[in-house]
Amino acid sequence: MIGRFLEISVCTHDIQESLEFYQRLGFAQAEAGDVWSHRYTVITDGRLFLGLHEYEFASPSLTYVRPELAAHLDALRVHDVKFEFEKTGDDQFNEAGFLDPDGQMVTLLEARTFSPLSPNAEGESQCGHFSEYTIPSRNIEAAIAFWEPLGFVTTHRQDKPFPTATLTSEPINLGFSQASEFKAPALTFVEPDMEVRLAKLEYEKFDVSRKIPGQKASTKNGLLRSPEGLGLLLMTGEY
């Protein structure tokens, strides 16, 4: 319905600092095109694609590619999608954006902005398996009602200790959490040996916090903050 997933787009004020942070974690740099006038690069672990933009916008954004974008916008309006911006025309790179019920920006682009043949990192990053993009939600039911008509399927639903849900549409999972302490979107990684990985990250001088929103402090879970402020939740568990 909304196209093919491209990247999680993030605003950074220092693209070199952000790039070096993710490369230290084992992410590889993809081959980006020259569509944007601002500085732009993409990093990947082969599963997650994160677009770093040295440009001010509603960040982070879930970014999709939809060819013939202008002709497709009316079909989305039928599903009560209200666009925050529309830039369409023969003389510009077409893009449009809307917000979900929790204020998550979704951006639709006319075409890709980096090569689909981007090299993968050698194995996984030090963060482990990218599990989901996790969004703080005011109302889980409203989130499900909004995203399912757009092509997502609910694969997990839980009410205690606080409401959560996981929705999937290949190749990305969206997690929704009503934990009152969870205030901003995060990248969530899961590994059975995460406790060992966290110790290694601390040894390599990464600033690992043990304070996880909605959870008690534990040596088994951790939180990193990227230079642009994006949270990386590092959780012990199976996938």
Protein backbone atom coordinates (compact mmCIF):
# COMPACT_ATOMS: atom_id res chain seq x y z
CA MET A 1 0.00 0.00 0.00
CA ILE A 2 2.70 2.53 0.91
CA GLY A 3 5.48 1.08 -1.23
CA ARG A 4 8.76 -0.72 -0.64
CA PHE A 5 10.68 0.05 2.54
CA LEU A 6 13.90 1.98 1.90
CA GLU A 7 15.45 3.26 5.13
CA ILE A 8 14.96 4.79 8.53
CA SER A 9 15.90 8.40 7.85
CA VAL A 10 17.65 10.34 10.62
CA CYS A 11 18.61 13.99 10.89
CA THR A 12 22.21 14.56 11.98
CA HIS A 13 24.03 17.84 12.56
CA ASP A 14 27.43 16.17 12.03
CA ILE A 15 27.24 13.39 9.46
CA GLN A 16 30.89 12.41 9.90
CA GLU A 17 30.49 11.94 13.65
CA SER A 18 27.36 9.82 13.14
CA LEU A 19 29.01 7.76 10.41
CA GLU A 20 32.06 7.02 12.56
CA PHE A 21 29.82 5.97 15.48
CA TYR A 22 27.98 3.36 13.42
CA GLN A 23 31.15 2.16 11.71
CA ARG A 24 32.71 1.54 15.13
CA LEU A 25 29.71 -0.69 15.83
CA GLY A 26 30.41 -2.69 12.65
CA PHE A 27 27.98 -1.13 10.17
CA ALA A 28 29.04 -0.71 6.53
CA GLN A 29 28.56 2.36 4.36
CA ALA A 30 26.28 1.91 1.37
CA GLU A 31 26.67 3.58 -2.02
CA ALA A 32 24.33 6.58 -1.97
CA GLY A 33 23.18 8.56 -5.00
CA ASP A 34 23.17 12.34 -5.53
CA VAL A 35 19.42 12.96 -5.33
CA TRP A 36 19.68 15.23 -2.29
CA SER A 37 21.39 18.61 -2.22
CA HIS A 38 22.34 18.07 1.46
CA ARG A 39 25.03 15.68 2.73
CA TYR A 40 23.66 12.13 2.90
CA THR A 41 24.95 8.64 3.49
CA VAL A 42 23.51 5.22 4.35
CA ILE A 43 24.85 2.66 6.80
CA THR A 44 23.75 -0.98 6.94
CA ASP A 45 24.29 -4.27 8.73
CA GLY A 46 22.57 -6.09 5.87
CA ARG A 47 19.20 -5.99 7.62
CA LEU A 48 18.87 -2.43 8.87
CA PHE A 49 19.35 0.52 6.48
CA LEU A 50 19.79 3.84 8.23
CA GLY A 51 19.89 7.04 6.17
CA LEU A 52 21.94 9.85 7.75
CA HIS A 53 20.83 13.27 6.49
CA GLU A 54 22.63 16.48 7.37
CA TYR A 55 19.34 18.32 6.97
CA GLU A 56 16.51 19.41 9.28
CA PHE A 57 13.29 17.36 9.02
CA ALA A 58 10.87 15.41 11.22
CA SER A 59 13.26 12.71 12.40
CA PRO A 60 13.40 9.74 12.54
CA SER A 61 11.24 8.95 9.53
CA LEU A 62 10.18 5.60 8.10
CA THR A 63 10.97 6.05 4.42
CA TYR A 64 9.42 4.11 1.54
CA VAL A 65 9.73 4.13 -2.25
CA ARG A 66 6.56 4.35 -4.33
CA PRO A 67 7.00 4.78 -8.11
CA GLU A 68 4.48 7.13 -9.76
CA LEU A 69 4.02 8.67 -6.34
CA ALA A 70 1.77 11.59 -7.33
CA ALA A 71 -0.82 9.24 -8.84
CA HIS A 72 -0.85 7.11 -5.69
CA LEU A 73 -1.57 9.78 -3.07
CA ASP A 74 -5.35 9.80 -3.55
CA ALA A 75 -5.52 6.05 -2.86
CA LEU A 76 -3.85 6.68 0.51
CA ARG A 77 -6.28 9.48 1.35
CA VAL A 78 -9.09 6.93 1.10
CA HIS A 79 -7.45 5.26 4.14
CA ASP A 80 -7.60 8.54 6.11
CA VAL A 81 -3.95 9.38 5.49
CA LYS A 82 -3.48 13.14 5.88
CA PHE A 83 -0.32 14.44 4.26
CA GLU A 84 1.92 16.87 6.10
CA PHE A 85 3.71 17.78 2.89
CA GLU A 86 3.55 16.98 -0.81
CA LYS A 87 6.30 17.85 -3.28
CA THR A 88 5.23 16.58 -6.67
CA GLY A 89 5.89 17.83 -10.16
CA ASP A 90 7.92 17.17 -13.26
CA ASP A 91 10.67 19.57 -12.20
CA GLN A 92 11.49 18.03 -8.80
CA PHE A 93 12.16 14.78 -6.95
CA ASN A 94 8.70 13.73 -5.78
CA GLU A 95 8.14 13.10 -2.09
CA ALA A 96 5.32 13.24 0.43
CA GLY A 97 4.98 12.65 4.15
CA PHE A 98 2.32 11.85 6.75
CA LEU A 99 2.11 11.14 10.47
CA ASP A 100 0.69 8.04 12.14
CA PRO A 101 -1.56 8.42 15.25
CA ASP A 102 1.51 8.57 17.51
CA GLY A 103 3.24 11.28 15.48
CA GLN A 104 5.63 8.97 13.65
CA MET A 105 6.65 10.51 10.32
CA VAL A 106 6.38 8.33 7.21
CA THR A 107 8.03 9.61 4.03
CA LEU A 108 7.24 8.36 0.52
CA LEU A 109 9.77 8.88 -2.29
CA GLU A 110 9.44 8.51 -6.05
CA ALA A 111 12.65 6.45 -6.35
CA ARG A 112 15.55 4.94 -4.42
CA THR A 113 18.32 7.15 -3.07
CA PHE A 114 21.02 4.49 -2.67
CA SER A 115 22.09 1.36 -4.47
CA PRO A 116 20.06 -1.82 -3.79
CA LEU A 117 23.35 -3.70 -4.23
CA SER A 118 24.90 -2.00 -1.21
CA PRO A 119 27.58 -4.13 0.49
CA ASN A 120 26.61 -5.76 3.77
CA ALA A 121 28.70 -5.50 6.87
CA GLU A 122 30.96 -8.49 7.47
CA GLY A 123 28.58 -10.54 9.58
CA GLU A 124 26.35 -8.71 12.05
CA SER A 125 27.14 -5.49 13.87
CA GLN A 126 28.18 -5.51 17.52
CA CYS A 127 24.54 -4.70 18.33
CA GLY A 128 23.40 -8.10 17.06
CA HIS A 129 20.16 -8.93 15.26
CA PHE A 130 18.04 -5.89 14.32
CA SER A 131 14.60 -6.87 15.57
CA GLU A 132 12.32 -3.86 15.17
CA TYR A 133 11.85 -0.12 15.07
CA THR A 134 10.09 0.61 18.36
CA ILE A 135 7.64 3.51 18.64
CA PRO A 136 6.16 4.99 21.86
CA SER A 137 2.40 4.72 21.50
CA ARG A 138 -0.50 6.52 23.18
CA ASN A 139 -3.01 3.92 22.03
CA ILE A 140 -1.98 0.50 20.74
CA GLU A 141 -5.39 -0.24 19.23
CA ALA A 142 -5.33 3.01 17.26
CA ALA A 143 -1.85 2.19 15.97
CA ILE A 144 -2.96 -1.26 14.80
CA ALA A 145 -6.08 0.16 13.16
CA PHE A 146 -3.94 2.67 11.25
CA TRP A 147 -1.09 0.41 10.11
CA GLU A 148 -2.91 -2.80 9.19
CA PRO A 149 -4.77 -1.26 6.18
CA LEU A 150 -1.37 -0.03 4.95
CA GLY A 151 -0.12 -3.61 4.59
CA PHE A 152 1.13 -4.53 8.07
CA VAL A 153 0.14 -7.66 9.99
CA THR A 154 -0.03 -7.87 13.79
CA THR A 155 2.20 -10.74 14.93
CA HIS A 156 2.31 -10.10 18.68
CA ARG A 157 0.01 -8.40 21.19
CA GLN A 158 0.55 -8.09 24.94
CA ASP A 159 -1.23 -6.08 27.65
CA LYS A 160 0.98 -6.61 30.74
CA PRO A 161 3.02 -5.11 32.30
CA PHE A 162 2.03 -2.44 29.74
CA PRO A 163 0.40 -2.69 26.30
CA THR A 164 2.74 -3.59 23.42
CA ALA A 165 2.32 -4.86 19.88
CA THR A 166 4.51 -5.91 16.98
CA LEU A 167 3.42 -5.40 13.37
CA THR A 168 5.35 -6.65 10.38
CA SER A 169 5.58 -5.91 6.68
CA GLU A 170 8.68 -7.30 4.99
CA PRO A 171 11.43 -6.30 5.55
CA ILE A 172 10.74 -4.31 8.74
CA ASN A 173 8.97 -4.91 12.04
CA LEU A 174 7.31 -2.05 13.90
CA GLY A 175 7.02 -2.34 17.66
CA PHE A 176 4.60 -0.20 19.68
CA SER A 177 4.94 0.35 23.42
CA GLN A 178 2.69 2.16 25.89
CA ALA A 179 5.32 2.17 28.64
CA SER A 180 5.02 5.62 30.21
CA GLU A 181 8.83 5.98 30.44
CA PHE A 182 9.31 5.29 26.73
CA LYS A 183 9.35 8.72 25.10
CA ALA A 184 11.14 8.43 21.73
CA PRO A 185 11.50 5.86 18.92
CA ALA A 186 14.42 3.44 19.11
CA LEU A 187 16.17 0.72 17.13
CA THR A 188 15.81 -2.59 18.97
CA PHE A 189 18.40 -5.37 18.67
CA VAL A 190 18.05 -8.83 20.24
CA GLU A 191 20.67 -11.51 20.97
CA PRO A 192 20.90 -14.42 23.44
CA ASP A 193 24.43 -13.31 24.40
CA MET A 194 23.67 -9.60 24.71
CA GLU A 195 25.19 -9.43 28.20
CA VAL A 196 28.55 -10.40 26.70
CA ARG A 197 28.15 -7.90 23.87
CA LEU A 198 27.35 -5.12 26.32
CA ALA A 199 30.50 -5.85 28.30
CA LYS A 200 32.53 -5.69 25.07
CA LEU A 201 30.95 -2.37 24.11
CA GLU A 202 31.78 -0.94 27.53
CA TYR A 203 35.36 -2.19 27.17
CA GLU A 204 35.53 -0.33 23.85
CA LYS A 205 34.43 2.87 25.63
CA PHE A 206 30.83 3.02 24.39
CA ASP A 207 28.54 4.77 26.87
CA VAL A 208 26.08 1.97 27.70
CA SER A 209 23.15 2.81 29.96
CA ARG A 210 21.40 0.06 31.93
CA LYS A 211 18.25 2.18 32.32
CA ILE A 212 15.77 0.75 29.82
CA PRO A 213 12.41 2.57 29.53
CA GLY A 214 9.70 0.52 31.21
CA GLN A 215 12.12 -2.03 32.68
CA LYS A 216 14.22 -2.52 35.79
CA ALA A 217 17.96 -1.96 35.44
CA SER A 218 19.74 -5.17 34.39
CA THR A 219 23.17 -6.29 33.25
CA LYS A 220 21.42 -8.23 30.47
CA ASN A 221 20.02 -5.20 28.63
CA GLY A 222 21.47 -1.87 27.60
CA LEU A 223 20.83 1.39 25.78
CA LEU A 224 23.16 3.32 23.47
CA ARG A 225 22.61 6.85 22.20
CA SER A 226 23.90 7.75 18.77
CA PRO A 227 25.40 11.22 18.16
CA GLU A 228 22.12 12.34 16.58
CA GLY A 229 20.21 11.16 19.69
CA LEU A 230 18.66 7.97 18.33
CA GLY A 231 18.30 5.22 20.93
CA LEU A 232 19.66 1.71 20.30
CA LEU A 233 17.98 -0.80 22.63
CA LEU A 234 20.20 -3.86 23.14
CA MET A 235 18.06 -6.65 24.60
CA THR A 236 18.78 -10.19 25.71
CA GLY A 237 16.45 -12.65 24.03
CA GLU A 238 15.74 -15.01 21.13
CA TYR A 239 14.62 -13.99 17.66
